[in-house]
Amino acid sequence: MERMEVGSVVEVTAGKEKGSIFVVVKDFNTRQVGIADGRHRKLSNPRKKGIKHLKRLGKLEVLPNRDRLLWESLSSYRGS
């Protein structure tokens, strides 16, 4: 299993968010992380997700501290 770092850009591979792009914002333990995208999942309330259901796409240089900035920084990964 691959270790996910805070700031990693990930795609969800299972669950209701399948195909969505998020950023790891919190590390709960070796198997679960908190993910947010700035629009549907805010930085203040990240979604707890198992890392086996995530595919790493890249890493952000700096983790934005505002939801709008996080959403905008993910636009290049979403293709929009």
PDB file of N, CA and C in Angstrom:
ATOM      1  N   MET A   1       0.831  -1.179   0.000  1.00  0.00           N
ATOM      2  CA  MET A   1       0.000   0.000   0.000  1.00  0.00           C
ATOM      3  C   MET A   1       0.882   1.251   0.000  1.00  0.00           C
ATOM      4  N   GLU A   2       0.512   2.207  -0.837  1.00  0.00           N
ATOM      5  CA  GLU A   2       1.282   3.449  -0.967  1.00  0.00           C
ATOM      6  C   GLU A   2       0.894   4.427   0.132  1.00  0.00           C
ATOM      7  N   ARG A   3       1.875   5.059   0.731  1.00  0.00           N
ATOM      8  CA  ARG A   3       1.636   6.058   1.776  1.00  0.00           C
ATOM      9  C   ARG A   3       1.262   7.384   1.118  1.00  0.00           C
ATOM     10  N   MET A   4       0.192   8.003   1.577  1.00  0.00           N
ATOM     11  CA  MET A   4      -0.264   9.287   1.046  1.00  0.00           C
ATOM     12  C   MET A   4       0.198  10.409   1.967  1.00  0.00           C
ATOM     13  N   GLU A   5       0.826  11.422   1.378  1.00  0.00           N
ATOM     14  CA  GLU A   5       1.285  12.577   2.144  1.00  0.00           C
ATOM     15  C   GLU A   5       0.258  13.698   2.042  1.00  0.00           C
ATOM     16  N   VAL A   6       0.251  14.570   3.031  1.00  0.00           N
ATOM     17  CA  VAL A   6      -0.582  15.766   2.966  1.00  0.00           C
ATOM     18  C   VAL A   6      -0.109  16.587   1.772  1.00  0.00           C
ATOM     19  N   GLY A   7      -1.037  17.020   0.939  1.00  0.00           N
ATOM     20  CA  GLY A   7      -0.701  17.762  -0.266  1.00  0.00           C
ATOM     21  C   GLY A   7      -0.758  16.920  -1.523  1.00  0.00           C
ATOM     22  N   SER A   8      -0.906  15.603  -1.375  1.00  0.00           N
ATOM     23  CA  SER A   8      -1.014  14.724  -2.542  1.00  0.00           C
ATOM     24  C   SER A   8      -2.349  14.929  -3.241  1.00  0.00           C
ATOM     25  N   VAL A   9      -2.307  15.038  -4.561  1.00  0.00           N
ATOM     26  CA  VAL A   9      -3.528  15.127  -5.364  1.00  0.00           C
ATOM     27  C   VAL A   9      -3.923  13.697  -5.706  1.00  0.00           C
ATOM     28  N   VAL A  10      -5.185  13.350  -5.437  1.00  0.00           N
ATOM     29  CA  VAL A  10      -5.636  11.967  -5.617  1.00  0.00           C
ATOM     30  C   VAL A  10      -6.954  11.917  -6.388  1.00  0.00           C
ATOM     31  N   GLU A  11      -7.170  10.774  -7.034  1.00  0.00           N
ATOM     32  CA  GLU A  11      -8.452  10.476  -7.670  1.00  0.00           C
ATOM     33  C   GLU A  11      -9.091   9.348  -6.879  1.00  0.00           C
ATOM     34  N   VAL A  12     -10.385   9.497  -6.587  1.00  0.00           N
ATOM     35  CA  VAL A  12     -11.115   8.472  -5.853  1.00  0.00           C
ATOM     36  C   VAL A  12     -11.466   7.345  -6.820  1.00  0.00           C
ATOM     37  N   THR A  13     -11.160   6.100  -6.443  1.00  0.00           N
ATOM     38  CA  THR A  13     -11.398   4.957  -7.322  1.00  0.00           C
ATOM     39  C   THR A  13     -12.592   4.113  -6.891  1.00  0.00           C
ATOM     40  N   ALA A  14     -13.186   4.413  -5.732  1.00  0.00           N
ATOM     41  CA  ALA A  14     -14.348   3.654  -5.265  1.00  0.00           C
ATOM     42  C   ALA A  14     -15.221   4.546  -4.388  1.00  0.00           C
ATOM     43  N   GLY A  15     -16.516   4.261  -4.394  1.00  0.00           N
ATOM     44  CA  GLY A  15     -17.444   5.025  -3.565  1.00  0.00           C
ATOM     45  C   GLY A  15     -18.223   6.039  -4.374  1.00  0.00           C
ATOM     46  N   LYS A  16     -19.021   6.839  -3.691  1.00  0.00           N
ATOM     47  CA  LYS A  16     -19.890   7.783  -4.398  1.00  0.00           C
ATOM     48  C   LYS A  16     -19.132   8.921  -5.071  1.00  0.00           C
ATOM     49  N   GLU A  17     -17.892   9.179  -4.644  1.00  0.00           N
ATOM     50  CA  GLU A  17     -17.070  10.222  -5.275  1.00  0.00           C
ATOM     51  C   GLU A  17     -16.157   9.664  -6.354  1.00  0.00           C
ATOM     52  N   LYS A  18     -16.374   8.440  -6.803  1.00  0.00           N
ATOM     53  CA  LYS A  18     -15.503   7.786  -7.792  1.00  0.00           C
ATOM     54  C   LYS A  18     -15.265   8.696  -8.993  1.00  0.00           C
ATOM     55  N   GLY A  19     -13.987   8.867  -9.349  1.00  0.00           N
ATOM     56  CA  GLY A  19     -13.608   9.709 -10.470  1.00  0.00           C
ATOM     57  C   GLY A  19     -13.352  11.162 -10.101  1.00  0.00           C
ATOM     58  N   SER A  20     -13.658  11.550  -8.874  1.00  0.00           N
ATOM     59  CA  SER A  20     -13.449  12.929  -8.428  1.00  0.00           C
ATOM     60  C   SER A  20     -12.011  13.144  -7.974  1.00  0.00           C
ATOM     61  N   ILE A  21     -11.560  14.396  -8.089  1.00  0.00           N
ATOM     62  CA  ILE A  21     -10.201  14.768  -7.727  1.00  0.00           C
ATOM     63  C   ILE A  21     -10.220  15.512  -6.393  1.00  0.00           C
ATOM     64  N   PHE A  22      -9.345  15.105  -5.490  1.00  0.00           N
ATOM     65  CA  PHE A  22      -9.243  15.701  -4.166  1.00  0.00           C
ATOM     66  C   PHE A  22      -7.776  15.900  -3.801  1.00  0.00           C
ATOM     67  N   VAL A  23      -7.554  16.565  -2.660  1.00  0.00           N
ATOM     68  CA  VAL A  23      -6.217  16.728  -2.088  1.00  0.00           C
ATOM     69  C   VAL A  23      -6.247  16.131  -0.687  1.00  0.00           C
ATOM     70  N   VAL A  24      -5.194  15.417  -0.334  1.00  0.00           N
ATOM     71  CA  VAL A  24      -5.068  14.895   1.023  1.00  0.00           C
ATOM     72  C   VAL A  24      -4.725  16.071   1.937  1.00  0.00           C
ATOM     73  N   VAL A  25      -5.583  16.322   2.926  1.00  0.00           N
ATOM     74  CA  VAL A  25      -5.374  17.454   3.829  1.00  0.00           C
ATOM     75  C   VAL A  25      -5.089  17.018   5.265  1.00  0.00           C
ATOM     76  N   LYS A  26      -5.300  15.732   5.545  1.00  0.00           N
ATOM     77  CA  LYS A  26      -5.072  15.240   6.903  1.00  0.00           C
ATOM     78  C   LYS A  26      -4.686  13.768   6.842  1.00  0.00           C
ATOM     79  N   ASP A  27      -3.779  13.363   7.707  1.00  0.00           N
ATOM     80  CA  ASP A  27      -3.344  11.978   7.792  1.00  0.00           C
ATOM     81  C   ASP A  27      -3.873  11.410   9.106  1.00  0.00           C
ATOM     82  N   PHE A  28      -4.878  10.531   9.035  1.00  0.00           N
ATOM     83  CA  PHE A  28      -5.461   9.965  10.255  1.00  0.00           C
ATOM     84  C   PHE A  28      -4.606   8.833  10.816  1.00  0.00           C
ATOM     85  N   ASN A  29      -4.225   7.892   9.957  1.00  0.00           N
ATOM     86  CA  ASN A  29      -3.367   6.773  10.361  1.00  0.00           C
ATOM     87  C   ASN A  29      -2.750   6.185   9.097  1.00  0.00           C
ATOM     88  N   THR A  30      -2.197   4.990   9.178  1.00  0.00           N
ATOM     89  CA  THR A  30      -1.527   4.409   8.010  1.00  0.00           C
ATOM     90  C   THR A  30      -2.498   3.958   6.933  1.00  0.00           C
ATOM     91  N   ARG A  31      -3.793   3.860   7.252  1.00  0.00           N
ATOM     92  CA  ARG A  31      -4.766   3.354   6.279  1.00  0.00           C
ATOM     93  C   ARG A  31      -5.806   4.377   5.838  1.00  0.00           C
ATOM     94  N   GLN A  32      -5.945   5.485   6.563  1.00  0.00           N
ATOM     95  CA  GLN A  32      -6.971   6.472   6.227  1.00  0.00           C
ATOM     96  C   GLN A  32      -6.407   7.891   6.214  1.00  0.00           C
ATOM     97  N   VAL A  33      -6.966   8.693   5.294  1.00  0.00           N
ATOM     98  CA  VAL A  33      -6.586  10.101   5.189  1.00  0.00           C
ATOM     99  C   VAL A  33      -7.850  10.946   5.073  1.00  0.00           C
ATOM    100  N   GLY A  34      -7.693  12.241   5.269  1.00  0.00           N
ATOM    101  CA  GLY A  34      -8.783  13.189   5.064  1.00  0.00           C
ATOM    102  C   GLY A  34      -8.582  13.877   3.731  1.00  0.00           C
ATOM    103  N   ILE A  35      -9.646  13.926   2.904  1.00  0.00           N
ATOM    104  CA  ILE A  35      -9.540  14.544   1.585  1.00  0.00           C
ATOM    105  C   ILE A  35     -10.552  15.687   1.459  1.00  0.00           C
ATOM    106  N   ALA A  36     -10.170  16.704   0.689  1.00  0.00           N
ATOM    107  CA  ALA A  36     -11.044  17.853   0.445  1.00  0.00           C
ATOM    108  C   ALA A  36     -10.788  18.352  -0.964  1.00  0.00           C
ATOM    109  N   ASP A  37     -11.805  19.012  -1.540  1.00  0.00           N
ATOM    110  CA  ASP A  37     -11.637  19.607  -2.869  1.00  0.00           C
ATOM    111  C   ASP A  37     -11.938  21.102  -2.879  1.00  0.00           C
ATOM    112  N   GLY A  38     -12.409  21.643  -1.771  1.00  0.00           N
ATOM    113  CA  GLY A  38     -12.663  23.069  -1.685  1.00  0.00           C
ATOM    114  C   GLY A  38     -14.063  23.484  -2.084  1.00  0.00           C
ATOM    115  N   ARG A  39     -14.804  22.636  -2.758  1.00  0.00           N
ATOM    116  CA  ARG A  39     -16.174  22.968  -3.145  1.00  0.00           C
ATOM    117  C   ARG A  39     -17.177  22.031  -2.487  1.00  0.00           C
ATOM    118  N   HIS A  40     -17.071  20.749  -2.745  1.00  0.00           N
ATOM    119  CA  HIS A  40     -18.003  19.782  -2.174  1.00  0.00           C
ATOM    120  C   HIS A  40     -17.573  19.324  -0.784  1.00  0.00           C
ATOM    121  N   ARG A  41     -16.279  19.216  -0.603  1.00  0.00           N
ATOM    122  CA  ARG A  41     -15.701  18.880   0.696  1.00  0.00           C
ATOM    123  C   ARG A  41     -14.753  19.998   1.088  1.00  0.00           C
ATOM    124  N   LYS A  42     -15.093  20.686   2.158  1.00  0.00           N
ATOM    125  CA  LYS A  42     -14.319  21.845   2.594  1.00  0.00           C
ATOM    126  C   LYS A  42     -13.115  21.429   3.439  1.00  0.00           C
ATOM    127  N   LEU A  43     -12.152  22.326   3.532  1.00  0.00           N
ATOM    128  CA  LEU A  43     -10.964  22.087   4.348  1.00  0.00           C
ATOM    129  C   LEU A  43     -11.328  21.896   5.824  1.00  0.00           C
ATOM    130  N   SER A  44     -12.385  22.554   6.276  1.00  0.00           N
ATOM    131  CA  SER A  44     -12.789  22.451   7.675  1.00  0.00           C
ATOM    132  C   SER A  44     -13.484  21.131   8.003  1.00  0.00           C
ATOM    133  N   ASN A  45     -13.940  20.402   6.970  1.00  0.00           N
ATOM    134  CA  ASN A  45     -14.646  19.142   7.184  1.00  0.00           C
ATOM    135  C   ASN A  45     -14.230  18.115   6.130  1.00  0.00           C
ATOM    136  N   PRO A  46     -12.989  17.632   6.192  1.00  0.00           N
ATOM    137  CA  PRO A  46     -12.525  16.698   5.160  1.00  0.00           C
ATOM    138  C   PRO A  46     -13.218  15.343   5.264  1.00  0.00           C
ATOM    139  N   ARG A  47     -13.294  14.648   4.131  1.00  0.00           N
ATOM    140  CA  ARG A  47     -13.891  13.310   4.073  1.00  0.00           C
ATOM    141  C   ARG A  47     -12.829  12.290   4.441  1.00  0.00           C
ATOM    142  N   LYS A  48     -13.179  11.383   5.343  1.00  0.00           N
ATOM    143  CA  LYS A  48     -12.269  10.308   5.725  1.00  0.00           C
ATOM    144  C   LYS A  48     -12.355   9.219   4.665  1.00  0.00           C
ATOM    145  N   LYS A  49     -11.215   8.826   4.105  1.00  0.00           N
ATOM    146  CA  LYS A  49     -11.202   7.853   3.011  1.00  0.00           C
ATOM    147  C   LYS A  49     -10.022   6.908   3.183  1.00  0.00           C
ATOM    148  N   GLY A  50     -10.243   5.638   2.899  1.00  0.00           N
ATOM    149  CA  GLY A  50      -9.175   4.646   2.941  1.00  0.00           C
ATOM    150  C   GLY A  50      -8.245   4.820   1.756  1.00  0.00           C
ATOM    151  N   ILE A  51      -6.949   4.697   1.992  1.00  0.00           N
ATOM    152  CA  ILE A  51      -5.992   4.951   0.912  1.00  0.00           C
ATOM    153  C   ILE A  51      -6.039   3.892  -0.178  1.00  0.00           C
ATOM    154  N   LYS A  52      -6.602   2.733   0.104  1.00  0.00           N
ATOM    155  CA  LYS A  52      -6.693   1.712  -0.948  1.00  0.00           C
ATOM    156  C   LYS A  52      -7.732   2.095  -2.005  1.00  0.00           C
ATOM    157  N   HIS A  53      -8.544   3.110  -1.729  1.00  0.00           N
ATOM    158  CA  HIS A  53      -9.539   3.596  -2.683  1.00  0.00           C
ATOM    159  C   HIS A  53      -9.114   4.889  -3.366  1.00  0.00           C
ATOM    160  N   LEU A  54      -7.823   5.208  -3.296  1.00  0.00           N
ATOM    161  CA  LEU A  54      -7.300   6.442  -3.879  1.00  0.00           C
ATOM    162  C   LEU A  54      -6.149   6.135  -4.822  1.00  0.00           C
ATOM    163  N   LYS A  55      -6.055   6.917  -5.898  1.00  0.00           N
ATOM    164  CA  LYS A  55      -4.930   6.815  -6.833  1.00  0.00           C
ATOM    165  C   LYS A  55      -4.212   8.158  -6.840  1.00  0.00           C
ATOM    166  N   ARG A  56      -2.913   8.134  -6.564  1.00  0.00           N
ATOM    167  CA  ARG A  56      -2.133   9.376  -6.487  1.00  0.00           C
ATOM    168  C   ARG A  56      -1.857   9.908  -7.884  1.00  0.00           C
ATOM    169  N   LEU A  57      -2.140  11.207  -8.099  1.00  0.00           N
ATOM    170  CA  LEU A  57      -1.919  11.849  -9.393  1.00  0.00           C
ATOM    171  C   LEU A  57      -0.739  12.807  -9.380  1.00  0.00           C
ATOM    172  N   GLY A  58      -0.420  13.339  -8.232  1.00  0.00           N
ATOM    173  CA  GLY A  58       0.657  14.323  -8.136  1.00  0.00           C
ATOM    174  C   GLY A  58       0.706  14.910  -6.746  1.00  0.00           C
ATOM    175  N   LYS A  59       1.361  16.057  -6.640  1.00  0.00           N
ATOM    176  CA  LYS A  59       1.485  16.723  -5.345  1.00  0.00           C
ATOM    177  C   LYS A  59       1.466  18.228  -5.562  1.00  0.00           C
ATOM    178  N   LEU A  60       0.761  18.939  -4.696  1.00  0.00           N
ATOM    179  CA  LEU A  60       0.757  20.397  -4.734  1.00  0.00           C
ATOM    180  C   LEU A  60       2.000  20.913  -4.025  1.00  0.00           C
ATOM    181  N   GLU A  61       2.608  21.940  -4.589  1.00  0.00           N
ATOM    182  CA  GLU A  61       3.787  22.555  -3.965  1.00  0.00           C
ATOM    183  C   GLU A  61       3.429  23.129  -2.601  1.00  0.00           C
ATOM    184  N   VAL A  62       2.320  23.877  -2.565  1.00  0.00           N
ATOM    185  CA  VAL A  62       1.854  24.510  -1.329  1.00  0.00           C
ATOM    186  C   VAL A  62       0.370  24.192  -1.172  1.00  0.00           C
ATOM    187  N   LEU A  63      -0.032  23.742   0.001  1.00  0.00           N
ATOM    188  CA  LEU A  63      -1.433  23.443   0.263  1.00  0.00           C
ATOM    189  C   LEU A  63      -2.163  24.752   0.554  1.00  0.00           C
ATOM    190  N   PRO A  64      -3.142  25.133  -0.294  1.00  0.00           N
ATOM    191  CA  PRO A  64      -3.876  26.384  -0.058  1.00  0.00           C
ATOM    192  C   PRO A  64      -4.624  26.347   1.268  1.00  0.00           C
ATOM    193  N   ASN A  65      -4.782  27.512   1.892  1.00  0.00           N
ATOM    194  CA  ASN A  65      -5.470  27.568   3.177  1.00  0.00           C
ATOM    195  C   ASN A  65      -6.918  28.040   3.041  1.00  0.00           C
ATOM    196  N   ARG A  66      -7.394  28.235   1.820  1.00  0.00           N
ATOM    197  CA  ARG A  66      -8.783  28.638   1.578  1.00  0.00           C
ATOM    198  C   ARG A  66      -9.422  27.674   0.582  1.00  0.00           C
ATOM    199  N   ASP A  67     -10.719  27.442   0.765  1.00  0.00           N
ATOM    200  CA  ASP A  67     -11.429  26.497  -0.091  1.00  0.00           C
ATOM    201  C   ASP A  67     -11.403  26.906  -1.560  1.00  0.00           C
ATOM    202  N   ARG A  68     -11.633  28.169  -1.848  1.00  0.00           N
ATOM    203  CA  ARG A  68     -11.654  28.634  -3.240  1.00  0.00           C
ATOM    204  C   ARG A  68     -10.305  28.417  -3.930  1.00  0.00           C
ATOM    205  N   LEU A  69      -9.237  28.701  -3.213  1.00  0.00           N
ATOM    206  CA  LEU A  69      -7.895  28.516  -3.772  1.00  0.00           C
ATOM    207  C   LEU A  69      -7.586  27.039  -3.999  1.00  0.00           C
ATOM    208  N   LEU A  70      -8.078  26.187  -3.108  1.00  0.00           N
ATOM    209  CA  LEU A  70      -7.895  24.748  -3.275  1.00  0.00           C
ATOM    210  C   LEU A  70      -8.624  24.266  -4.523  1.00  0.00           C
ATOM    211  N   TRP A  71      -9.877  24.693  -4.696  1.00  0.00           N
ATOM    212  CA  TRP A  71     -10.669  24.314  -5.867  1.00  0.00           C
ATOM    213  C   TRP A  71      -9.976  24.758  -7.155  1.00  0.00           C
ATOM    214  N   GLU A  72      -9.464  25.979  -7.170  1.00  0.00           N
ATOM    215  CA  GLU A  72      -8.781  26.509  -8.358  1.00  0.00           C
ATOM    216  C   GLU A  72      -7.471  25.773  -8.636  1.00  0.00           C
ATOM    217  N   SER A  73      -6.753  25.375  -7.594  1.00  0.00           N
ATOM    218  CA  SER A  73      -5.489  24.680  -7.805  1.00  0.00           C
ATOM    219  C   SER A  73      -5.685  23.272  -8.375  1.00  0.00           C
ATOM    220  N   LEU A  74      -6.870  22.705  -8.205  1.00  0.00           N
ATOM    221  CA  LEU A  74      -7.174  21.374  -8.737  1.00  0.00           C
ATOM    222  C   LEU A  74      -7.675  21.412 -10.174  1.00  0.00           C
ATOM    223  N   SER A  75      -7.900  22.598 -10.724  1.00  0.00           N
ATOM    224  CA  SER A  75      -8.477  22.709 -12.071  1.00  0.00           C
ATOM    225  C   SER A  75      -7.604  22.057 -13.133  1.00  0.00           C
ATOM    226  N   SER A  76      -6.289  22.109 -12.992  1.00  0.00           N
ATOM    227  CA  SER A  76      -5.421  21.494 -13.993  1.00  0.00           C
ATOM    228  C   SER A  76      -5.511  19.956 -13.962  1.00  0.00           C
ATOM    229  N   TYR A  77      -5.851  19.390 -12.823  1.00  0.00           N
ATOM    230  CA  TYR A  77      -6.015  17.942 -12.719  1.00  0.00           C
ATOM    231  C   TYR A  77      -7.395  17.489 -13.219  1.00  0.00           C
ATOM    232  N   ARG A  78      -8.385  18.381 -13.082  1.00  0.00           N
ATOM    233  CA  ARG A  78      -9.747  18.051 -13.542  1.00  0.00           C
ATOM    234  C   ARG A  78      -9.878  18.205 -15.036  1.00  0.00           C
ATOM    235  N   GLY A  79      -8.999  18.959 -15.663  1.00  0.00           N
ATOM    236  CA  GLY A  79      -9.078  19.186 -17.094  1.00  0.00           C
ATOM    237  C   GLY A  79     -10.034  20.297 -17.482  1.00  0.00           C
ATOM    238  N   SER A  80     -10.368  21.144 -16.507  1.00  0.00           N
ATOM    239  CA  SER A  80     -11.269  22.269 -16.817  1.00  0.00           C
ATOM    240  C   SER A  80     -10.648  23.590 -16.426  1.00  0.00           C
TER     241      SER A  80
END
